[in-house]
C-alpha atoms as a PDB file:
ATOM      1  CA  MET A   1     -36.339   7.121  -9.788  1.00  0.00           C
ATOM      2  CA  ARG A   2     -34.732   3.781 -10.622  1.00  0.00           C
ATOM      3  CA  TRP A   3     -35.905   1.014  -8.308  1.00  0.00           C
ATOM      4  CA  TRP A   4     -32.380   0.123  -7.170  1.00  0.00           C
ATOM      5  CA  ILE A   5     -31.678   3.503  -5.610  1.00  0.00           C
ATOM      6  CA  PHE A   6     -32.180   3.224  -1.881  1.00  0.00           C
ATOM      7  CA  VAL A   7     -33.256   6.499  -0.289  1.00  0.00           C
ATOM      8  CA  LEU A   8     -32.353   6.668   3.379  1.00  0.00           C
ATOM      9  CA  LEU A   9     -33.397   9.430   5.767  1.00  0.00           C
ATOM     10  CA  ILE A  10     -30.210  10.439   7.584  1.00  0.00           C
ATOM     11  CA  SER A  11     -30.236  14.207   8.068  1.00  0.00           C
ATOM     12  CA  GLY A  12     -32.557  16.628   9.801  1.00  0.00           C
ATOM     13  CA  ILE A  13     -33.751  13.889  12.176  1.00  0.00           C
ATOM     14  CA  ALA A  14     -32.695  12.559  15.534  1.00  0.00           C
ATOM     15  CA  ALA A  15     -30.596   9.419  15.461  1.00  0.00           C
ATOM     16  CA  ALA A  16     -33.002   6.534  15.003  1.00  0.00           C
ATOM     17  CA  ALA A  17     -33.014   3.711  17.519  1.00  0.00           C
ATOM     18  CA  THR A  18     -31.199   0.830  15.878  1.00  0.00           C
ATOM     19  CA  ASN A  19     -33.020  -2.419  15.286  1.00  0.00           C
ATOM     20  CA  PHE A  20     -29.793  -4.392  15.731  1.00  0.00           C
ATOM     21  CA  PRO A  21     -29.476  -7.465  17.932  1.00  0.00           C
ATOM     22  CA  SER A  22     -27.889  -7.077  21.354  1.00  0.00           C
ATOM     23  CA  VAL A  23     -24.143  -6.665  20.961  1.00  0.00           C
ATOM     24  CA  THR A  24     -21.131  -7.843  22.911  1.00  0.00           C
ATOM     25  CA  ALA A  25     -17.583  -6.547  22.979  1.00  0.00           C
ATOM     26  CA  ALA A  26     -15.452  -9.446  24.063  1.00  0.00           C
ATOM     27  CA  HIS A  27     -14.739 -12.811  22.413  1.00  0.00           C
ATOM     28  CA  VAL A  28     -15.335 -13.145  18.669  1.00  0.00           C
ATOM     29  CA  SER A  29     -16.734 -16.527  17.693  1.00  0.00           C
ATOM     30  CA  THR A  30     -14.430 -18.794  15.702  1.00  0.00           C
ATOM     31  CA  THR A  31     -16.822 -21.720  15.485  1.00  0.00           C
ATOM     32  CA  GLU A  32     -19.888 -20.344  13.769  1.00  0.00           C
ATOM     33  CA  THR A  33     -20.309 -21.269  10.127  1.00  0.00           C
ATOM     34  CA  ALA A  34     -22.699 -19.301   7.909  1.00  0.00           C
ATOM     35  CA  THR A  35     -24.009 -21.788   5.369  1.00  0.00           C
ATOM     36  CA  ALA A  36     -27.098 -19.754   4.501  1.00  0.00           C
ATOM     37  CA  GLY A  37     -29.177 -17.044   6.034  1.00  0.00           C
ATOM     38  CA  HIS A  38     -29.603 -13.366   6.650  1.00  0.00           C
ATOM     39  CA  TRP A  39     -27.010 -11.321   8.556  1.00  0.00           C
ATOM     40  CA  ARG A  40     -29.495 -11.004  11.438  1.00  0.00           C
ATOM     41  CA  ARG A  41     -29.132 -14.742  12.066  1.00  0.00           C
ATOM     42  CA  LEU A  42     -25.416 -14.457  12.761  1.00  0.00           C
ATOM     43  CA  SER A  43     -24.428 -14.674  16.415  1.00  0.00           C
ATOM     44  CA  GLU A  44     -22.098 -12.593  18.600  1.00  0.00           C
ATOM     45  CA  PRO A  45     -22.384  -9.137  17.033  1.00  0.00           C
ATOM     46  CA  HIS A  46     -19.833  -6.593  18.248  1.00  0.00           C
ATOM     47  CA  ALA A  47     -20.514  -2.870  18.444  1.00  0.00           C
ATOM     48  CA  LEU A  48     -18.254  -0.470  16.575  1.00  0.00           C
ATOM     49  CA  ALA A  49     -16.986   2.632  18.388  1.00  0.00           C
ATOM     50  CA  PRO A  50     -17.618   5.461  18.925  1.00  0.00           C
ATOM     51  CA  CYS A  51     -21.383   5.480  18.246  1.00  0.00           C
ATOM     52  CA  ARG A  52     -24.361   3.208  17.781  1.00  0.00           C
ATOM     53  CA  GLY A  53     -25.659   1.906  14.492  1.00  0.00           C
ATOM     54  CA  ALA A  54     -22.804  -0.277  13.213  1.00  0.00           C
ATOM     55  CA  ILE A  55     -21.826  -3.811  14.184  1.00  0.00           C
ATOM     56  CA  TYR A  56     -19.132  -6.308  13.265  1.00  0.00           C
ATOM     57  CA  TYR A  57     -19.312 -10.093  12.804  1.00  0.00           C
ATOM     58  CA  GLU A  58     -16.717 -12.761  12.116  1.00  0.00           C
ATOM     59  CA  PHE A  59     -17.909 -16.123  10.851  1.00  0.00           C
ATOM     60  CA  GLY A  60     -16.769 -19.186   8.954  1.00  0.00           C
ATOM     61  CA  LEU A  61     -17.738 -20.352   5.479  1.00  0.00           C
ATOM     62  CA  PRO A  62     -18.345 -23.983   4.487  1.00  0.00           C
ATOM     63  CA  ASN A  63     -14.892 -24.251   2.860  1.00  0.00           C
ATOM     64  CA  GLY A  64     -13.179 -23.105   6.079  1.00  0.00           C
ATOM     65  CA  SER A  65     -12.491 -19.528   4.995  1.00  0.00           C
ATOM     66  CA  ARG A  66     -13.143 -16.671   7.432  1.00  0.00           C
ATOM     67  CA  ALA A  67     -15.546 -13.861   6.602  1.00  0.00           C
ATOM     68  CA  HIS A  68     -15.584 -10.425   8.242  1.00  0.00           C
ATOM     69  CA  LEU A  69     -18.716  -8.289   8.036  1.00  0.00           C
ATOM     70  CA  VAL A  70     -19.648  -4.755   9.083  1.00  0.00           C
ATOM     71  CA  VAL A  71     -23.366  -3.886   8.994  1.00  0.00           C
ATOM     72  CA  VAL A  72     -24.381  -0.212   9.074  1.00  0.00           C
ATOM     73  CA  ASP A  73     -27.832   1.207   9.811  1.00  0.00           C
ATOM     74  CA  VAL A  74     -27.582   4.078   7.345  1.00  0.00           C
ATOM     75  CA  ARG A  75     -30.971   5.506   8.350  1.00  0.00           C
ATOM     76  CA  GLY A  76     -29.835   6.117  11.923  1.00  0.00           C
ATOM     77  CA  GLY A  77     -27.683   9.060  10.840  1.00  0.00           C
ATOM     78  CA  ASN A  78     -24.735   8.153  13.099  1.00  0.00           C
ATOM     79  CA  TRP A  79     -22.363   7.136  10.318  1.00  0.00           C
ATOM     80  CA  ARG A  80     -21.144   8.267   6.915  1.00  0.00           C
ATOM     81  CA  ILE A  81     -19.722   5.805   4.375  1.00  0.00           C
ATOM     82  CA  ARG A  82     -17.285   7.444   1.977  1.00  0.00           C
ATOM     83  CA  PRO A  83     -14.174   6.697  -0.069  1.00  0.00           C
ATOM     84  CA  ALA A  84     -10.722   8.180   0.451  1.00  0.00           C
ATOM     85  CA  VAL A  85      -7.622   8.277  -1.760  1.00  0.00           C
ATOM     86  CA  SER A  86      -4.046   8.225  -0.515  1.00  0.00           C
ATOM     87  CA  GLU A  87      -1.766  10.870  -2.020  1.00  0.00           C
ATOM     88  CA  PRO A  88       0.861  11.018  -3.327  1.00  0.00           C
ATOM     89  CA  THR A  89       1.401   7.274  -2.999  1.00  0.00           C
ATOM     90  CA  THR A  90      -0.219   4.185  -1.487  1.00  0.00           C
ATOM     91  CA  GLN A  91      -0.762   3.519   2.239  1.00  0.00           C
ATOM     92  CA  PRO A  92      -2.152   0.673   4.378  1.00  0.00           C
ATOM     93  CA  THR A  93      -5.925   0.633   4.855  1.00  0.00           C
ATOM     94  CA  SER A  94      -5.471   0.938   8.629  1.00  0.00           C
ATOM     95  CA  VAL A  95      -3.378   4.102   8.262  1.00  0.00           C
ATOM     96  CA  GLN A  96      -5.993   5.796   6.095  1.00  0.00           C
ATOM     97  CA  ALA A  97      -8.703   4.661   8.541  1.00  0.00           C
ATOM     98  CA  THR A  98      -6.820   5.998  11.569  1.00  0.00           C
ATOM     99  CA  GLN A  99      -6.221   9.350   9.882  1.00  0.00           C
ATOM    100  CA  ALA A 100      -9.979   9.653   9.286  1.00  0.00           C
ATOM    101  CA  HIS A 101     -10.936   8.474  12.828  1.00  0.00           C
ATOM    102  CA  ALA A 102     -12.976   5.754  11.126  1.00  0.00           C
ATOM    103  CA  GLY A 103     -14.893   3.056  12.955  1.00  0.00           C
ATOM    104  CA  ALA A 104     -14.216   0.629  10.113  1.00  0.00           C
ATOM    105  CA  ALA A 105     -12.597   0.530   6.699  1.00  0.00           C
ATOM    106  CA  THR A 106     -11.897  -1.787   3.795  1.00  0.00           C
ATOM    107  CA  ASN A 107      -9.624  -1.465   0.809  1.00  0.00           C
ATOM    108  CA  GLY A 108     -11.304   0.153  -2.196  1.00  0.00           C
ATOM    109  CA  GLY A 109     -10.752   0.436  -5.946  1.00  0.00           C
ATOM    110  CA  TYR A 110      -8.122  -0.815  -8.381  1.00  0.00           C
ATOM    111  CA  PHE A 111      -4.696   0.763  -8.883  1.00  0.00           C
ATOM    112  CA  ASN A 112      -1.309   0.248 -10.511  1.00  0.00           C
ATOM    113  CA  LEU A 113       1.212  -1.752  -8.526  1.00  0.00           C
ATOM    114  CA  HIS A 114       3.944   0.685  -9.592  1.00  0.00           C
ATOM    115  CA  ASP A 115       4.328   4.469 -10.214  1.00  0.00           C
ATOM    116  CA  GLY A 116       2.916   5.418  -6.822  1.00  0.00           C
ATOM    117  CA  GLY A 117      -0.193   3.321  -7.306  1.00  0.00           C
ATOM    118  CA  HIS A 118      -2.008   5.455  -9.872  1.00  0.00           C
ATOM    119  CA  SER A 119      -5.734   4.692  -9.633  1.00  0.00           C
ATOM    120  CA  THR A 120      -7.458   2.721 -12.369  1.00  0.00           C
ATOM    121  CA  SER A 121     -10.822   3.556 -10.767  1.00  0.00           C
ATOM    122  CA  TYR A 122     -12.799   6.808 -10.640  1.00  0.00           C
ATOM    123  CA  VAL A 123     -13.238   8.239  -7.155  1.00  0.00           C
ATOM    124  CA  PHE A 124     -15.344  11.298  -6.243  1.00  0.00           C
ATOM    125  CA  LEU A 125     -15.238  12.926  -2.819  1.00  0.00           C
ATOM    126  CA  ASP A 126     -17.513  15.796  -1.765  1.00  0.00           C
ATOM    127  CA  GLY A 127     -18.617  16.188  -5.380  1.00  0.00           C
ATOM    128  CA  LYS A 128     -15.078  16.487  -6.776  1.00  0.00           C
ATOM    129  CA  MET A 129     -13.107  13.928  -8.756  1.00  0.00           C
ATOM    130  CA  VAL A 130     -10.061  12.873  -6.731  1.00  0.00           C
ATOM    131  CA  ALA A 131      -8.980   9.908  -8.864  1.00  0.00           C
ATOM    132  CA  ASP A 132      -9.208   9.842 -12.675  1.00  0.00           C
ATOM    133  CA  PRO A 133      -8.172   6.702 -14.598  1.00  0.00           C
ATOM    134  CA  THR A 134      -8.124   8.634 -17.884  1.00  0.00           C
ATOM    135  CA  THR A 135      -4.876  10.247 -16.685  1.00  0.00           C
ATOM    136  CA  ASN A 136      -3.339   6.817 -16.046  1.00  0.00           C
ATOM    137  CA  THR A 137      -0.970   6.362 -18.996  1.00  0.00           C
ATOM    138  CA  ALA A 138      -0.090   2.799 -17.989  1.00  0.00           C
ATOM    139  CA  LEU A 139      -3.773   1.915 -18.334  1.00  0.00           C
ATOM    140  CA  LEU A 140      -4.532   3.904 -21.487  1.00  0.00           C
ATOM    141  CA  GLN A 141      -1.405   2.852 -23.363  1.00  0.00           C
ATOM    142  CA  ASN A 142      -1.543  -0.855 -22.570  1.00  0.00           C
ATOM    143  CA  PRO A 143      -2.007  -2.469 -26.008  1.00  0.00           C
ATOM    144  CA  LYS A 144      -3.687  -5.534 -24.529  1.00  0.00           C
ATOM    145  CA  LEU A 145      -6.347  -3.372 -22.880  1.00  0.00           C
ATOM    146  CA  LYS A 146      -7.076  -0.930 -25.711  1.00  0.00           C
ATOM    147  CA  PRO A 147      -9.886  -3.067 -27.219  1.00  0.00           C
ATOM    148  CA  PHE A 148     -11.589  -3.063 -23.798  1.00  0.00           C
ATOM    149  CA  LEU A 149     -10.955   0.481 -22.546  1.00  0.00           C
ATOM    150  CA  GLU A 150     -14.505   1.686 -23.107  1.00  0.00           C
ATOM    151  CA  ARG A 151     -15.853  -1.067 -20.870  1.00  0.00           C
ATOM    152  CA  ILE A 152     -13.031  -0.714 -18.332  1.00  0.00           C
ATOM    153  CA  LEU A 153     -13.658   3.019 -17.870  1.00  0.00           C
ATOM    154  CA  ASN A 154     -17.395   2.366 -17.549  1.00  0.00           C
ATOM    155  CA  ARG A 155     -17.140  -0.263 -14.833  1.00  0.00           C
ATOM    156  CA  SER A 156     -19.563  -0.236 -11.914  1.00  0.00           C
ATOM    157  CA  GLU A 157     -19.290   2.078  -8.915  1.00  0.00           C
ATOM    158  CA  VAL A 158     -21.078   2.741  -5.664  1.00  0.00           C
ATOM    159  CA  ARG A 159     -22.553   6.244  -5.405  1.00  0.00           C
ATOM    160  CA  PHE A 160     -23.567   8.135  -2.303  1.00  0.00           C
ATOM    161  CA  MET A 161     -26.001  10.897  -3.340  1.00  0.00           C
ATOM    162  CA  ARG A 162     -28.229  13.474  -1.700  1.00  0.00           C
ATOM    163  CA  THR A 163     -31.578  15.010  -2.602  1.00  0.00           C
ATOM    164  CA  ALA A 164     -32.622  18.627  -2.150  1.00  0.00           C
ATOM    165  CA  ASN A 165     -34.576  17.751   0.995  1.00  0.00           C
ATOM    166  CA  GLY A 166     -31.614  16.085   2.693  1.00  0.00           C
ATOM    167  CA  LYS A 167     -32.198  12.426   1.915  1.00  0.00           C
ATOM    168  CA  THR A 168     -29.261  10.221   1.034  1.00  0.00           C
ATOM    169  CA  ALA A 169     -29.380   7.560  -1.674  1.00  0.00           C
ATOM    170  CA  ILE A 170     -26.987   4.712  -2.387  1.00  0.00           C
ATOM    171  CA  GLU A 171     -26.757   3.475  -5.965  1.00  0.00           C
ATOM    172  CA  ILE A 172     -24.589   0.804  -7.590  1.00  0.00           C
ATOM    173  CA  THR A 173     -24.422   1.382 -11.323  1.00  0.00           C
ATOM    174  CA  ARG A 174     -22.076   1.887 -14.279  1.00  0.00           C
ATOM    175  CA  HIS A 175     -19.886   4.974 -14.197  1.00  0.00           C
ATOM    176  CA  GLU A 176     -21.466   6.592 -17.253  1.00  0.00           C
ATOM    177  CA  THR A 177     -25.034   6.192 -15.998  1.00  0.00           C
ATOM    178  CA  PRO A 178     -26.462   9.704 -15.494  1.00  0.00           C
ATOM    179  CA  VAL A 179     -27.090  10.840 -11.932  1.00  0.00           C
ATOM    180  CA  PRO A 180     -30.879  10.724 -11.440  1.00  0.00           C
ATOM    181  CA  ALA A 181     -32.806  13.979 -11.668  1.00  0.00           C
ATOM    182  CA  GLY A 182     -33.085  15.699  -8.309  1.00  0.00           C
ATOM    183  CA  MET A 183     -29.983  13.947  -6.950  1.00  0.00           C
ATOM    184  CA  HIS A 184     -26.564  15.440  -6.176  1.00  0.00           C
ATOM    185  CA  LEU A 185     -23.522  13.164  -6.300  1.00  0.00           C
ATOM    186  CA  VAL A 186     -21.581  13.461  -3.047  1.00  0.00           C
ATOM    187  CA  ASP A 187     -19.103  10.551  -3.153  1.00  0.00           C
ATOM    188  CA  SER A 188     -18.430   7.561  -5.385  1.00  0.00           C
ATOM    189  CA  LEU A 189     -15.970   4.691  -5.648  1.00  0.00           C
ATOM    190  CA  GLN A 190     -15.527   2.664  -8.827  1.00  0.00           C
ATOM    191  CA  ALA A 191     -14.363  -0.947  -8.738  1.00  0.00           C
ATOM    192  CA  GLY A 192     -16.373  -3.858 -10.144  1.00  0.00           C
ATOM    193  CA  PRO A 193     -17.782  -5.982 -11.335  1.00  0.00           C
ATOM    194  CA  GLN A 194     -21.323  -5.527 -10.076  1.00  0.00           C
ATOM    195  CA  LEU A 195     -22.255  -8.681  -8.145  1.00  0.00           C
ATOM    196  CA  LEU A 196     -25.989  -8.263  -7.533  1.00  0.00           C
ATOM    197  CA  PRO A 197     -28.531  -8.565  -8.925  1.00  0.00           C
ATOM    198  CA  THR A 198     -26.209 -10.365 -11.396  1.00  0.00           C
ATOM    199  CA  VAL A 199     -22.454 -10.878 -11.731  1.00  0.00           C
ATOM    200  CA  GLU A 200     -21.256  -8.694 -14.621  1.00  0.00           C
ATOM    201  CA  ALA A 201     -17.643  -9.892 -14.854  1.00  0.00           C
ATOM    202  CA  VAL A 202     -17.832 -10.474 -18.617  1.00  0.00           C
ATOM    203  CA  ASP A 203     -19.751  -7.270 -19.403  1.00  0.00           C
ATOM    204  CA  GLU A 204     -17.207  -5.222 -17.448  1.00  0.00           C
ATOM    205  CA  ALA A 205     -14.231  -6.955 -19.167  1.00  0.00           C
ATOM    206  CA  PHE A 206     -12.798  -8.610 -16.076  1.00  0.00           C
ATOM    207  CA  ILE A 207     -13.267 -11.878 -17.957  1.00  0.00           C
ATOM    208  CA  ARG A 208     -12.511 -11.349 -21.640  1.00  0.00           C
ATOM    209  CA  THR A 209     -11.201 -12.899 -24.836  1.00  0.00           C
ATOM    210  CA  SER A 210      -8.401 -10.980 -26.517  1.00  0.00           C
ATOM    211  CA  PRO A 211      -8.358 -10.330 -30.284  1.00  0.00           C
ATOM    212  CA  GLN A 212      -5.745 -13.102 -30.431  1.00  0.00           C
ATOM    213  CA  GLY A 213      -8.189 -15.551 -28.849  1.00  0.00           C
ATOM    214  CA  GLU A 214      -6.534 -15.561 -25.423  1.00  0.00           C
ATOM    215  CA  ASP A 215      -8.873 -16.025 -22.448  1.00  0.00           C
ATOM    216  CA  VAL A 216      -8.160 -13.583 -19.612  1.00  0.00           C
ATOM    217  CA  ASP A 217      -9.568 -13.700 -16.069  1.00  0.00           C
ATOM    218  CA  SER A 218      -7.954 -10.580 -14.619  1.00  0.00           C
ATOM    219  CA  ILE A 219      -9.248 -10.986 -11.049  1.00  0.00           C
ATOM    220  CA  SER A 220      -9.325 -14.814 -10.960  1.00  0.00           C
ATOM    221  CA  ALA A 221     -13.102 -14.634 -10.787  1.00  0.00           C
ATOM    222  CA  ARG A 222     -13.498 -18.397 -11.125  1.00  0.00           C
ATOM    223  CA  LYS A 223     -10.863 -19.231  -8.503  1.00  0.00           C
ATOM    224  CA  GLN A 224     -11.038 -19.103  -4.724  1.00  0.00           C
ATOM    225  CA  LYS A 225      -9.346 -15.846  -3.728  1.00  0.00           C
ATOM    226  CA  ALA A 226      -9.590 -13.229  -0.997  1.00  0.00           C
ATOM    227  CA  ARG A 227     -12.470 -10.839  -1.768  1.00  0.00           C
ATOM    228  CA  THR A 228     -13.785  -7.454  -0.649  1.00  0.00           C
ATOM    229  CA  ALA A 229     -17.321  -6.252  -1.393  1.00  0.00           C
ATOM    230  CA  PHE A 230     -19.955  -3.639  -0.548  1.00  0.00           C
ATOM    231  CA  GLY A 231     -23.699  -4.261  -0.619  1.00  0.00           C
ATOM    232  CA  VAL A 232     -27.050  -2.739   0.294  1.00  0.00           C
ATOM    233  CA  THR A 233     -30.279  -4.288   1.536  1.00  0.00           C
ATOM    234  CA  ASN A 234     -33.802  -3.181   0.687  1.00  0.00           C
ATOM    235  CA  ASP A 235     -34.465  -2.058   4.266  1.00  0.00           C
ATOM    236  CA  GLY A 236     -31.795   0.571   4.825  1.00  0.00           C
ATOM    237  CA  TYR A 237     -28.608  -1.290   5.717  1.00  0.00           C
ATOM    238  CA  ALA A 238     -25.177  -1.270   4.087  1.00  0.00           C
ATOM    239  CA  LEU A 239     -22.732  -4.176   4.323  1.00  0.00           C
ATOM    240  CA  MET A 240     -18.928  -4.100   4.107  1.00  0.00           C
ATOM    241  CA  LEU A 241     -17.566  -7.630   3.628  1.00  0.00           C
ATOM    242  CA  CYS A 242     -14.106  -9.194   3.450  1.00  0.00           C
ATOM    243  CA  VAL A 243     -13.405 -12.897   2.921  1.00  0.00           C
ATOM    244  CA  ALA A 244      -9.866 -13.948   3.798  1.00  0.00           C
ATOM    245  CA  GLY A 245      -7.693 -15.898   1.400  1.00  0.00           C
ATOM    246  CA  GLU A 246      -4.230 -17.399   1.406  1.00  0.00           C
ATOM    247  CA  GLY A 247      -1.732 -15.233   3.243  1.00  0.00           C
ATOM    248  CA  GLN A 248      -4.444 -13.515   5.325  1.00  0.00           C
ATOM    249  CA  ASP A 249      -5.694 -16.417   7.433  1.00  0.00           C
ATOM    250  CA  PRO A 250      -3.986 -19.818   7.794  1.00  0.00           C
ATOM    251  CA  GLU A 251      -7.262 -21.692   7.317  1.00  0.00           C
ATOM    252  CA  SER A 252      -8.724 -19.582   4.497  1.00  0.00           C
ATOM    253  CA  SER A 253      -8.599 -20.125   0.754  1.00  0.00           C
ATOM    254  CA  GLY A 254     -11.112 -17.426  -0.252  1.00  0.00           C
ATOM    255  CA  ILE A 255     -14.132 -17.806  -2.527  1.00  0.00           C
ATOM    256  CA  THR A 256     -15.017 -17.339  -6.193  1.00  0.00           C
ATOM    257  CA  LEU A 257     -16.853 -14.285  -7.480  1.00  0.00           C
ATOM    258  CA  GLU A 258     -20.065 -16.272  -7.980  1.00  0.00           C
ATOM    259  CA  GLU A 259     -19.779 -17.601  -4.425  1.00  0.00           C
ATOM    260  CA  LEU A 260     -19.239 -14.050  -3.159  1.00  0.00           C
ATOM    261  CA  ALA A 261     -22.411 -12.888  -4.901  1.00  0.00           C
ATOM    262  CA  ALA A 262     -24.365 -15.836  -3.456  1.00  0.00           C
ATOM    263  CA  LEU A 263     -23.057 -15.072   0.039  1.00  0.00           C
ATOM    264  CA  LEU A 264     -24.092 -11.421  -0.206  1.00  0.00           C
ATOM    265  CA  ARG A 265     -27.546 -12.447  -1.387  1.00  0.00           C
ATOM    266  CA  ARG A 266     -27.933 -14.812   1.580  1.00  0.00           C
ATOM    267  CA  LEU A 267     -26.843 -12.044   3.927  1.00  0.00           C
ATOM    268  CA  GLY A 268     -29.695  -9.879   2.618  1.00  0.00           C
ATOM    269  CA  CYS A 269     -28.190  -7.703  -0.131  1.00  0.00           C
ATOM    270  CA  VAL A 270     -30.136  -6.852  -3.259  1.00  0.00           C
ATOM    271  CA  GLN A 271     -27.358  -4.778  -4.867  1.00  0.00           C
ATOM    272  CA  ALA A 272     -23.623  -5.402  -4.426  1.00  0.00           C
ATOM    273  CA  LEU A 273     -20.269  -4.352  -5.841  1.00  0.00           C
ATOM    274  CA  ASN A 274     -16.984  -6.236  -5.876  1.00  0.00           C
ATOM    275  CA  LEU A 275     -14.020  -4.170  -4.689  1.00  0.00           C
ATOM    276  CA  ASP A 276     -10.324  -4.868  -5.232  1.00  0.00           C
ATOM    277  CA  GLY A 277      -9.469  -8.253  -3.754  1.00  0.00           C
ATOM    278  CA  GLY A 278      -6.594 -10.697  -3.545  1.00  0.00           C
ATOM    279  CA  ALA A 279      -3.627  -9.358  -1.611  1.00  0.00           C
ATOM    280  CA  SER A 280      -5.389  -5.976  -1.234  1.00  0.00           C
ATOM    281  CA  THR A 281      -8.279  -7.429   0.782  1.00  0.00           C
ATOM    282  CA  THR A 282      -8.179  -5.739   4.197  1.00  0.00           C
ATOM    283  CA  MET A 283     -10.667  -4.850   6.920  1.00  0.00           C
ATOM    284  CA  TYR A 284      -9.961  -2.553   9.866  1.00  0.00           C
ATOM    285  CA  VAL A 285     -12.405  -2.167  12.766  1.00  0.00           C
ATOM    286  CA  LYS A 286     -12.551  -0.184  15.996  1.00  0.00           C
ATOM    287  CA  LEU A 287     -14.645  -2.192  18.440  1.00  0.00           C
ATOM    288  CA  ALA A 288     -16.274  -0.905  21.599  1.00  0.00           C
ATOM    289  CA  ASP A 289     -15.022  -2.514  24.786  1.00  0.00           C
ATOM    290  CA  ALA A 290     -17.178  -4.210  27.418  1.00  0.00           C
ATOM    291  CA  ALA A 291     -18.056  -0.852  28.981  1.00  0.00           C
ATOM    292  CA  GLY A 292     -19.079   0.593  25.634  1.00  0.00           C
ATOM    293  CA  SER A 293     -15.962   2.736  25.386  1.00  0.00           C
ATOM    294  CA  GLU A 294     -13.820   3.093  22.305  1.00  0.00           C
ATOM    295  CA  ALA A 295     -11.118   0.441  21.974  1.00  0.00           C
ATOM    296  CA  ALA A 296      -8.007   0.489  19.825  1.00  0.00           C
ATOM    297  CA  GLY A 297      -8.551  -0.234  16.150  1.00  0.00           C
ATOM    298  CA  LYS A 298      -7.171  -3.394  14.600  1.00  0.00           C
ATOM    299  CA  VAL A 299      -6.877  -5.175  11.273  1.00  0.00           C
ATOM    300  CA  VAL A 300      -9.141  -8.236  11.457  1.00  0.00           C
ATOM    301  CA  CYS A 301      -8.542  -9.355   7.862  1.00  0.00           C
ATOM    302  CA  GLY A 302      -5.420  -8.656   5.840  1.00  0.00           C
ATOM    303  CA  LYS A 303      -1.820  -9.552   5.181  1.00  0.00           C
ATOM    304  CA  ASN A 304       1.046  -8.977   7.610  1.00  0.00           C
ATOM    305  CA  PRO A 305       2.711  -6.673   6.773  1.00  0.00           C
ATOM    306  CA  GLU A 306      -0.399  -4.906   5.569  1.00  0.00           C
ATOM    307  CA  THR A 307      -0.814  -4.317   1.836  1.00  0.00           C
ATOM    308  CA  LEU A 308      -0.434  -0.749   0.583  1.00  0.00           C
ATOM    309  CA  VAL A 309      -3.519   0.444  -1.340  1.00  0.00           C
ATOM    310  CA  LYS A 310      -4.536   3.594  -3.192  1.00  0.00           C
ATOM    311  CA  SER A 311      -8.170   3.969  -2.103  1.00  0.00           C
ATOM    312  CA  VAL A 312     -10.319   2.784   0.778  1.00  0.00           C
ATOM    313  CA  LEU A 313     -13.955   2.747   1.817  1.00  0.00           C
ATOM    314  CA  LEU A 314     -14.366   4.394   5.226  1.00  0.00           C
ATOM    315  CA  LEU A 315     -17.086   4.237   7.859  1.00  0.00           C
ATOM    316  CA  GLU A 316     -16.867   7.540   9.749  1.00  0.00           C
ATOM    317  CA  PRO A 317     -18.872   8.938  12.672  1.00  0.00           C
ATOM    318  CA  SER A 318     -21.179  11.521  11.070  1.00  0.00           C
ATOM    319  CA  GLY A 319     -20.390  14.026  13.819  1.00  0.00           C
ATOM    320  CA  ARG A 320     -17.019  14.584  12.172  1.00  0.00           C
ATOM    321  CA  LEU A 321     -18.593  15.852   8.909  1.00  0.00           C
END
């Protein structure tokens, strides 16, 4: 098995006691600034409803931008992380999250801004392909992209897999990488580029030089923009991260892709994937109230009105499987 596949016991066992810090459910800090350090060093964690094993933080970055982080104890078995695709057209992240009774959600993969938002990313759900970029004529017939299509279709994805004995594994790898022997692909969401252990923006053709010598930075990787990302630690936790940019928070300018990778590394990730960012960057959370009861969900990072997106990454209570 490749070393970067993280096998997490989540089925056939009682819910594990979380090793999270004590959580609160009231005021979210607006003064803390995370300059360096693991996610465990952040203050004022807030429990997500309706079950234990997931917490939310809001914190500031050195440049004044706001970051929003959900940390999930995947081993506890209380939560399932999975993608979803809106059909026949695009919908706000919060709408897709509410429909799924999710405790949290972020926007997901890339899509066209016209024609109903046809996906430019592969998405698999329950072992079946639910979004196929090879049927996207706008993508395949774009003359500027034809020299790069092989790399575009093979961009990185996050995979949620299961073994025969009920273990779940999370893997971030290129789309064409074979599923490891003994593993069954359950869900996957393609986006890119891979951020950790290295930023692969050039290899995945997000930064490229056209045959005419034109330099293209399709996601403004070198500029400060709003960003969305997913990462995993080496001790069984998954992180969903949004950094606000212009139009999402009055004080935020966003961060570069390299800065995003460095932030995820400081927070404890060893593998990470960039998701669609910019105007699409959105995070929805459903926090527990002071009594531990389920509170109304809200968008903590995103534009107003909320951006319509094709796919999302959901955090669902596992009891709804």
